[in-house]
């Protein structure tokens, strides 16, 4: 029987996948989704964990944002098509190679493509998709990418999977993972950060389609615990809209293969509606609940 807490993907494959494709990435610490070194390392940078996804009470969940870049950044291309239509899409290096032969195109700027766009000292944008016409910047949109942070550790489970012999052991012979999930970050950090960046984009003269937000479906459901599920949707993107694409892992696959990244939902609403729901959403506790909480502490047992 599957453990309640387990690792789901390591270096893009099931942790007990002993195929050449999977184990070669364990050996080099490589990420198959960005074709670079994995960013999931321990504090002293001596171990590359490569953990992409884990179990949660709500289903298998992605814990590394780079896992969302499967199929050569397909999620960015979907945003490009939604915002700008069917124009040639390039990562930065590809654009440099082709800029003399392509008049109209979209160029992705981010950590793995050129540089992240940074505003001031403390505000960096995950991705900017720039619409270029005759080498001139005409318009752009922003994209924020989010997974979920974990708490605790999964060292014992990880080492057990790493040291599997050439024949697979029963999955219940692997220790349970001791990871937790930092759901509190949704309202403490993620939503305020998203609102702040959305406001910056909405004030730009070159942003006409607003901000896009890409994250696992399970994580967005935690957003809905705060903002509700009934924010009015708008049809077309505008400078002050927030467009959300959610994803989930596809079905289990055979050894040597990776699970697909499946699109679940697309939502679009104004940044004002989203912000107001965060401030005074339907699940905000009433003042009486705060009164009772204070009284409970002051009342002797």
Protein backbone atom coordinates (compact mmCIF):
# COMPACT_ATOMS: atom_id res chain seq x y z
CA UNK A 1 0.00 0.00 0.00
CA UNK A 2 1.25 3.46 -0.84
CA UNK A 3 2.55 5.51 2.08
CA UNK A 4 0.70 8.63 3.20
CA UNK A 5 3.84 10.69 2.69
CA UNK A 6 6.09 9.84 -0.20
CA UNK A 7 8.25 11.31 -2.94
CA UNK A 8 6.49 11.28 -6.31
CA UNK A 9 9.14 12.50 -8.77
CA UNK A 10 12.90 12.80 -8.44
CA UNK A 11 14.77 14.35 -11.38
CA UNK A 12 11.54 14.14 -13.36
CA UNK A 13 10.90 10.40 -12.89
CA UNK A 14 9.31 8.15 -10.30
CA UNK A 15 11.81 7.75 -7.44
CA UNK A 16 11.92 3.96 -7.86
CA UNK A 17 12.45 4.22 -11.62
CA UNK A 18 15.73 2.39 -12.29
CA UNK A 19 15.80 3.08 -16.03
CA UNK A 20 18.88 4.54 -17.67
CA UNK A 21 16.99 7.76 -18.42
CA UNK A 22 16.11 8.30 -14.78
CA UNK A 23 19.31 7.16 -13.07
CA UNK A 24 21.58 9.17 -15.37
CA UNK A 25 19.97 12.34 -13.98
CA UNK A 26 20.45 11.11 -10.39
CA UNK A 27 24.15 10.72 -11.23
CA UNK A 28 24.67 14.20 -12.70
CA UNK A 29 22.08 16.15 -10.66
CA UNK A 30 20.40 17.40 -13.81
CA UNK A 31 16.93 18.85 -14.33
CA UNK A 32 15.26 17.46 -17.47
CA UNK A 33 12.82 20.37 -17.65
CA UNK A 34 15.33 23.24 -17.96
CA UNK A 35 18.32 21.15 -19.12
CA UNK A 36 20.48 22.60 -16.38
CA UNK A 37 21.55 21.68 -12.86
CA UNK A 38 18.73 21.00 -10.41
CA UNK A 39 18.04 23.77 -7.90
CA UNK A 40 16.84 21.44 -5.12
CA UNK A 41 19.99 21.17 -3.01
CA UNK A 42 20.74 20.90 0.70
CA UNK A 43 21.96 23.82 2.82
CA UNK A 44 25.68 23.19 2.29
CA UNK A 45 25.24 22.32 -1.41
CA UNK A 46 26.68 18.82 -1.04
CA UNK A 47 23.54 16.94 -2.10
CA UNK A 48 21.28 17.60 -5.07
CA UNK A 49 17.90 16.18 -4.16
CA UNK A 50 16.13 16.67 -7.46
CA UNK A 51 12.68 16.35 -5.90
CA UNK A 52 9.98 17.64 -8.24
CA UNK A 53 6.78 16.51 -6.53
CA UNK A 54 5.51 14.80 -3.40
CA UNK A 55 2.29 13.48 -1.92
CA UNK A 56 -0.18 15.78 -0.20
CA UNK A 57 -3.57 15.22 1.47
CA UNK A 58 -5.12 16.54 -1.77
CA UNK A 59 -3.12 14.59 -4.35
CA UNK A 60 0.34 14.58 -5.88
CA UNK A 61 1.71 18.12 -5.80
CA UNK A 62 4.57 19.90 -7.56
CA UNK A 63 7.08 21.49 -5.18
CA UNK A 64 9.58 22.84 -7.71
CA UNK A 65 8.60 25.60 -10.16
CA UNK A 66 10.98 24.20 -12.79
CA UNK A 67 8.76 21.11 -13.01
CA UNK A 68 6.20 23.35 -14.70
CA UNK A 69 8.56 24.00 -17.63
CA UNK A 70 8.13 20.58 -19.25
CA UNK A 71 7.96 20.23 -23.04
CA UNK A 72 10.41 23.07 -23.58
CA UNK A 73 8.53 25.77 -21.64
CA UNK A 74 5.15 24.91 -23.12
CA UNK A 75 3.32 26.84 -20.39
CA UNK A 76 5.00 30.07 -21.53
CA UNK A 77 3.99 29.40 -25.11
CA UNK A 78 0.38 28.98 -24.00
CA UNK A 79 0.48 32.38 -22.33
CA UNK A 80 2.02 33.87 -25.46
CA UNK A 81 -0.76 32.46 -27.60
CA UNK A 82 -3.47 33.65 -25.18
CA UNK A 83 -2.07 37.18 -24.96
CA UNK A 84 -0.68 37.80 -28.44
CA UNK A 85 -2.02 35.13 -30.76
CA UNK A 86 -0.01 32.79 -32.96
CA UNK A 87 3.32 34.61 -33.26
CA UNK A 88 6.78 32.99 -33.33
CA UNK A 89 7.95 32.36 -29.76
CA UNK A 90 11.62 32.49 -28.76
CA UNK A 91 13.73 32.12 -25.69
CA UNK A 92 16.32 34.89 -25.51
CA UNK A 93 19.21 33.01 -27.16
CA UNK A 94 16.92 31.87 -29.96
CA UNK A 95 15.81 35.46 -30.50
CA UNK A 96 19.39 36.68 -30.78
CA UNK A 97 20.01 34.04 -33.45
CA UNK A 98 16.86 34.90 -35.43
CA UNK A 99 16.25 38.61 -34.91
CA UNK A 100 17.48 39.62 -38.36
CA UNK A 101 15.08 37.26 -40.12
CA UNK A 102 11.91 37.56 -38.00
CA UNK A 103 9.93 40.81 -37.93
CA UNK A 104 7.15 40.00 -35.42
CA UNK A 105 7.78 37.66 -32.50
CA UNK A 106 7.50 37.05 -28.77
CA UNK A 107 10.64 36.88 -26.62
CA UNK A 108 10.65 35.30 -23.16
CA UNK A 109 12.83 37.03 -20.56
CA UNK A 110 13.50 35.19 -17.30
CA UNK A 111 16.07 33.44 -15.17
CA UNK A 112 16.77 30.79 -17.80
CA UNK A 113 16.35 33.07 -20.80
CA UNK A 114 18.42 36.24 -20.82
CA UNK A 115 17.83 37.70 -17.34
CA UNK A 116 15.00 38.16 -14.88
CA UNK A 117 13.50 41.62 -15.07
CA UNK A 118 14.12 43.42 -11.78
CA UNK A 119 12.48 46.62 -10.56
CA UNK A 120 14.36 48.33 -7.75
CA UNK A 121 16.20 46.21 -5.20
CA UNK A 122 13.54 43.83 -4.05
CA UNK A 123 11.06 43.22 -6.87
CA UNK A 124 12.00 40.67 -9.52
CA UNK A 125 9.59 39.36 -12.14
CA UNK A 126 9.66 35.64 -12.95
CA UNK A 127 9.00 36.07 -16.65
CA UNK A 128 8.26 38.83 -19.12
CA UNK A 129 6.95 37.99 -22.59
CA UNK A 130 7.94 40.84 -24.89
CA UNK A 131 6.21 41.46 -28.22
CA UNK A 132 8.81 42.64 -30.71
CA UNK A 133 8.14 44.26 -34.09
CA UNK A 134 11.10 45.19 -36.29
CA UNK A 135 13.42 44.83 -33.24
CA UNK A 136 11.31 47.34 -31.24
CA UNK A 137 9.47 46.53 -28.01
CA UNK A 138 5.76 47.07 -28.68
CA UNK A 139 4.06 45.43 -25.72
CA UNK A 140 4.66 42.87 -22.97
CA UNK A 141 2.97 40.79 -20.26
CA UNK A 142 4.25 39.43 -16.97
CA UNK A 143 4.11 35.84 -15.76
CA UNK A 144 4.48 34.63 -12.20
CA UNK A 145 5.24 30.95 -11.59
CA UNK A 146 4.51 29.27 -8.26
CA UNK A 147 4.64 25.79 -6.77
CA UNK A 148 4.59 25.26 -2.99
CA UNK A 149 7.33 25.29 -0.36
CA UNK A 150 7.81 22.29 1.88
CA UNK A 151 8.65 21.99 5.58
CA UNK A 152 10.37 19.15 7.40
CA UNK A 153 12.65 16.84 5.44
CA UNK A 154 12.60 13.73 3.29
CA UNK A 155 16.26 12.72 3.62
CA UNK A 156 15.71 9.12 4.74
CA UNK A 157 13.22 8.39 1.99
CA UNK A 158 15.42 10.05 -0.61
CA UNK A 159 18.53 8.11 0.38
CA UNK A 160 16.58 4.85 0.35
CA UNK A 161 15.39 5.52 -3.20
CA UNK A 162 18.88 6.59 -4.27
CA UNK A 163 20.38 3.32 -3.02
CA UNK A 164 17.84 0.99 -4.59
CA UNK A 165 19.51 -2.05 -6.14
CA UNK A 166 19.00 -3.05 -9.74
CA UNK A 167 15.75 -4.82 -8.88
CA UNK A 168 12.89 -2.78 -7.47
CA UNK A 169 12.01 -3.22 -3.82
CA UNK A 170 8.42 -3.07 -2.59
CA UNK A 171 7.47 0.56 -2.09
CA UNK A 172 6.59 -0.03 1.58
CA UNK A 173 10.22 -0.95 2.28
CA UNK A 174 11.12 2.74 1.72
CA UNK A 175 10.80 4.97 4.82
CA UNK A 176 7.97 7.47 4.82
CA UNK A 177 8.89 11.00 3.89
CA UNK A 178 8.72 13.55 6.71
CA UNK A 179 7.87 16.51 4.51
CA UNK A 180 5.14 19.02 5.24
CA UNK A 181 3.63 21.71 3.02
CA UNK A 182 3.77 25.41 3.83
CA UNK A 183 0.15 26.33 3.14
CA UNK A 184 0.44 29.38 5.39
CA UNK A 185 2.64 30.99 2.75
CA UNK A 186 -0.40 31.35 0.47
CA UNK A 187 -1.87 34.23 2.46
CA UNK A 188 1.28 35.39 4.23
CA UNK A 189 3.48 35.85 1.18
CA UNK A 190 2.17 34.57 -2.15
CA UNK A 191 -1.08 36.51 -2.49
CA UNK A 192 0.37 39.85 -1.28
CA UNK A 193 3.35 39.41 -3.61
CA UNK A 194 1.09 38.64 -6.56
CA UNK A 195 -1.07 41.71 -5.90
CA UNK A 196 1.97 43.95 -5.58
CA UNK A 197 3.47 42.77 -8.87
CA UNK A 198 0.11 42.99 -10.60
CA UNK A 199 -0.20 46.64 -9.59
CA UNK A 200 3.25 47.39 -11.01
CA UNK A 201 2.36 45.79 -14.35
CA UNK A 202 -1.02 47.58 -14.48
CA UNK A 203 0.74 50.96 -14.31
CA UNK A 204 2.96 50.29 -17.33
CA UNK A 205 2.21 52.01 -20.63
CA UNK A 206 3.31 48.88 -22.50
CA UNK A 207 1.30 46.30 -20.56
CA UNK A 208 -2.10 45.82 -22.18
CA UNK A 209 -2.87 42.21 -21.16
CA UNK A 210 -1.98 42.34 -17.45
CA UNK A 211 -0.31 39.65 -15.37
CA UNK A 212 -0.49 35.87 -15.83
CA UNK A 213 -0.18 33.45 -12.94
CA UNK A 214 0.76 29.78 -13.36
CA UNK A 215 0.60 27.27 -10.51
CA UNK A 216 -0.54 23.77 -9.54
CA UNK A 217 -4.31 23.30 -9.27
CA UNK A 218 -3.97 22.08 -5.67
CA UNK A 219 -2.17 25.29 -4.65
CA UNK A 220 -4.75 27.50 -6.35
CA UNK A 221 -7.50 25.76 -4.40
CA UNK A 222 -5.73 27.03 -1.28
CA UNK A 223 -5.93 30.51 -2.77
CA UNK A 224 -9.67 29.99 -3.10
CA UNK A 225 -9.88 29.19 0.61
CA UNK A 226 -8.90 32.85 1.08
CA UNK A 227 -10.44 34.66 -1.89
CA UNK A 228 -13.44 32.45 -2.59
CA UNK A 229 -14.46 30.58 -5.73
CA UNK A 230 -16.83 33.08 -7.26
CA UNK A 231 -14.80 36.08 -8.39
CA UNK A 232 -16.48 37.39 -11.57
CA UNK A 233 -14.54 36.34 -14.65
CA UNK A 234 -13.81 38.65 -17.56
CA UNK A 235 -13.36 37.45 -21.13
CA UNK A 236 -10.54 39.54 -22.54
CA UNK A 237 -7.20 40.38 -20.92
CA UNK A 238 -6.55 44.04 -20.13
CA UNK A 239 -3.84 46.05 -18.40
CA UNK A 240 -5.47 45.45 -15.01
CA UNK A 241 -6.40 41.75 -15.30
CA UNK A 242 -4.96 38.68 -13.64
CA UNK A 243 -5.14 35.50 -15.73
CA UNK A 244 -4.64 32.19 -13.93
CA UNK A 245 -3.59 28.91 -15.54
CA UNK A 246 -3.58 25.86 -13.24
CA UNK A 247 -1.93 22.51 -13.88
CA UNK A 248 -1.67 19.03 -12.41
CA UNK A 249 0.42 15.93 -12.99
CA UNK A 250 -1.00 13.43 -15.45
CA UNK A 251 -1.40 9.70 -14.92
CA UNK A 252 1.38 7.40 -13.77
CA UNK A 253 3.62 6.13 -16.56
CA UNK A 254 5.97 3.22 -17.13
CA UNK A 255 9.65 3.32 -16.17
CA UNK A 256 11.77 5.60 -18.32
CA UNK A 257 8.88 8.00 -18.97
CA UNK A 258 7.75 11.26 -17.37
CA UNK A 259 4.24 12.14 -16.32
CA UNK A 260 2.53 14.75 -18.44
CA UNK A 261 1.70 18.21 -17.17
CA UNK A 262 -2.04 18.64 -17.72
CA UNK A 263 -3.83 21.97 -17.90
CA UNK A 264 -6.80 22.15 -15.52
CA UNK A 265 -8.29 25.66 -15.40
CA UNK A 266 -8.05 29.09 -16.91
CA UNK A 267 -9.55 31.99 -14.95
CA UNK A 268 -9.39 35.73 -15.57
CA UNK A 269 -10.54 38.58 -13.36
CA UNK A 270 -9.61 42.15 -12.54
CA UNK A 271 -6.79 42.79 -10.14
CA UNK A 272 -9.09 44.98 -8.04
CA UNK A 273 -11.59 42.15 -7.57
CA UNK A 274 -8.80 39.75 -6.60
CA UNK A 275 -7.25 42.27 -4.18
CA UNK A 276 -10.57 43.11 -2.54
CA UNK A 277 -11.32 39.44 -1.99
CA UNK A 278 -7.99 39.03 -0.22
CA UNK A 279 -8.72 41.97 2.08
CA UNK A 280 -12.34 41.09 2.85
CA UNK A 281 -12.94 37.66 1.39
CA UNK A 282 -15.83 35.34 2.26
CA UNK A 283 -13.71 33.18 4.56
CA UNK A 284 -12.40 36.02 6.71
CA UNK A 285 -13.33 35.25 10.33
CA UNK A 286 -15.86 37.62 11.97
CA UNK A 287 -14.87 40.06 14.68
CA UNK A 288 -16.67 37.94 17.28
CA UNK A 289 -14.25 35.10 16.61
CA UNK A 290 -11.34 37.40 17.46
CA UNK A 291 -13.14 38.54 20.62
CA UNK A 292 -13.64 34.93 21.70
CA UNK A 293 -10.03 34.05 21.01
CA UNK A 294 -8.79 36.86 23.24
CA UNK A 295 -11.25 35.94 26.02
CA UNK A 296 -10.18 32.27 25.94
CA UNK A 297 -6.59 33.22 26.66
CA UNK A 298 -7.60 35.54 29.52
CA UNK A 299 -10.07 33.13 31.12
CA UNK A 300 -8.44 30.99 33.85
CA UNK A 301 -8.78 27.25 33.41
